[in-house]
Each structure stands twice: as structure tokens, then as C-alpha cells.
Amino acid sequence: MQATRPSAFRSFSGLSAGERSHLRQWYGAAKHTDIDGIEDLGARPWPSAPEGTVIGVFCRGSDTARWLVIGQNAVWVVADCAGGTVSPTFRSLAEALATIYPE
């Protein structure tokens, strides 16, 4: 299954204020690479609704997410949609994002 970009911007309501701030800063720094967008995909119609946060990270020229950053119960993982792999667990969103683009 591919995660495609939703038509409306979502607010990342599942993140704390600090996590939202870090995500914005990270995205601002990562935009000069191939990273073209981030979207809150938690509300999309999944076969089984996720119980945590799902952030899609998109690359220039693609309507499908290259990575999914998934958080639940204070644990984060990064799913590489192109490579079909899932990272080890991380204790913070910042650690998980750093596997995609280190600030």
C-alpha cells in the first residue's frame, strides 16, 4: 500500500508543541535536499487505524511518501517505503527524523 498526499494540510495534532516545533525546524532545514513536503497521515483511511502519529515525508516529484515516521507510546520508527524496511525504535521524534536528514 502506498501513502499518497492528502489534499488538505493537516495540523499534526498528535504531536506535542515541542515536537511540532522541531518538525517545522527539521523540515525547514531539509527542504534544500530532495525532501519536498511533510503531511500528517494519521487521519487517512488506513485498513487498520493507527493508534499513534503517522507523518509522511515526501520527495520532490512524487505523490507518494518516501518515508513514514510513526510514533506510538513515546516510541518512534521510520518506515522506508522505497526500501521496504523499518528502522529500530527511537525515543524521540528528533532521533527518528535524523535518520532521514540529520540537522
Protein backbone atom coordinates (compact mmCIF):
# COMPACT_ATOMS: atom_id res chain seq x y z
CA MET A 1 0.00 0.00 0.00
CA GLN A 2 1.28 3.47 -0.84
CA ALA A 3 0.67 6.58 1.23
CA THR A 4 -0.37 9.35 -1.14
CA ARG A 5 -0.56 13.03 -0.28
CA PRO A 6 -3.88 14.12 1.17
CA SER A 7 -5.49 17.12 -0.48
CA ALA A 8 -5.72 19.23 2.69
CA PHE A 9 -2.98 20.23 5.10
CA ARG A 10 -3.26 18.55 8.47
CA SER A 11 -2.09 20.09 11.72
CA PHE A 12 -0.02 17.28 13.29
CA SER A 13 -2.37 17.38 16.28
CA GLY A 14 -0.91 14.12 17.65
CA LEU A 15 2.40 15.85 18.36
CA SER A 16 3.32 17.90 21.40
CA ALA A 17 4.05 21.60 20.88
CA GLY A 18 7.78 20.86 21.17
CA GLU A 19 7.58 18.04 18.61
CA ARG A 20 5.63 20.25 16.17
CA SER A 21 8.24 22.96 16.57
CA HIS A 22 11.08 20.51 15.97
CA LEU A 23 9.30 19.06 12.92
CA ARG A 24 8.92 22.55 11.40
CA GLN A 25 12.59 23.34 12.05
CA TRP A 26 13.69 19.98 10.65
CA TYR A 27 11.57 20.45 7.54
CA GLY A 28 12.93 23.96 7.04
CA ALA A 29 16.47 22.59 7.11
CA ALA A 30 15.66 19.52 4.97
CA LYS A 31 13.86 21.44 2.20
CA HIS A 32 17.14 22.18 0.41
CA THR A 33 17.50 18.43 -0.20
CA ASP A 34 15.08 16.30 -2.20
CA ILE A 35 12.51 16.48 0.64
CA ASP A 36 9.50 18.34 -0.72
CA GLY A 37 6.80 18.01 1.93
CA ILE A 38 5.56 16.56 5.19
CA GLU A 39 1.98 15.58 5.90
CA ASP A 40 0.04 14.28 8.89
CA LEU A 41 -1.30 10.97 7.54
CA GLY A 42 -2.90 9.70 10.75
CA ALA A 43 -6.43 10.60 9.67
CA ARG A 44 -6.27 8.96 6.22
CA PRO A 45 -8.41 5.83 5.67
CA TRP A 46 -5.96 3.09 6.74
CA PRO A 47 -7.10 -0.58 6.66
CA SER A 48 -6.48 -0.57 10.44
CA ALA A 49 -6.48 2.87 12.02
CA PRO A 50 -3.14 3.70 13.64
CA GLU A 51 -3.18 4.42 17.36
CA GLY A 52 -0.36 6.93 17.13
CA THR A 53 1.13 9.51 14.81
CA VAL A 54 1.93 8.88 11.14
CA ILE A 55 3.97 11.53 9.33
CA GLY A 56 4.56 11.18 5.61
CA VAL A 57 7.82 12.59 4.26
CA PHE A 58 7.65 13.29 0.53
CA CYS A 59 10.37 13.85 -2.08
CA ARG A 60 10.27 16.25 -4.99
CA GLY A 61 8.30 14.94 -7.95
CA SER A 62 6.46 12.18 -6.06
CA ASP A 63 2.90 11.98 -4.78
CA THR A 64 3.73 9.02 -2.55
CA ALA A 65 5.55 9.20 0.75
CA ARG A 66 9.19 8.12 0.66
CA TRP A 67 9.22 7.59 4.44
CA LEU A 68 6.62 7.18 7.16
CA VAL A 69 7.63 8.38 10.61
CA ILE A 70 5.42 6.52 13.07
CA GLY A 71 5.08 7.28 16.77
CA GLN A 72 3.15 5.44 19.46
CA ASN A 73 3.54 5.34 23.24
CA ALA A 74 6.67 7.57 23.17
CA VAL A 75 8.46 5.26 20.71
CA TRP A 76 9.22 6.18 17.09
CA VAL A 77 10.21 4.22 13.97
CA VAL A 78 10.89 5.20 10.37
CA ALA A 79 9.48 3.05 7.56
CA ASP A 80 11.38 3.37 4.30
CA CYS A 81 8.60 2.94 1.73
CA ALA A 82 11.01 2.56 -1.20
CA GLY A 83 13.33 0.12 0.54
CA GLY A 84 10.64 -1.81 2.41
CA THR A 85 12.49 -1.57 5.72
CA VAL A 86 11.66 -0.33 9.21
CA SER A 87 14.22 1.27 11.49
CA PRO A 88 14.98 0.27 15.05
CA THR A 89 12.95 2.17 17.64
CA PHE A 90 13.85 5.67 18.77
CA ARG A 91 12.97 7.53 21.96
CA SER A 92 12.11 10.81 20.24
CA LEU A 93 10.76 12.26 17.02
CA ALA A 94 14.05 14.16 16.64
CA GLU A 95 16.06 10.92 16.65
CA ALA A 96 13.73 9.35 14.10
CA LEU A 97 13.85 12.37 11.76
CA ALA A 98 17.65 12.44 11.97
CA THR A 99 17.76 9.06 10.19
CA ILE A 100 16.18 10.74 7.15
CA TYR A 101 18.03 14.06 7.30
CA PRO A 102 20.46 14.89 10.11
CA GLU A 103 20.34 18.56 11.05
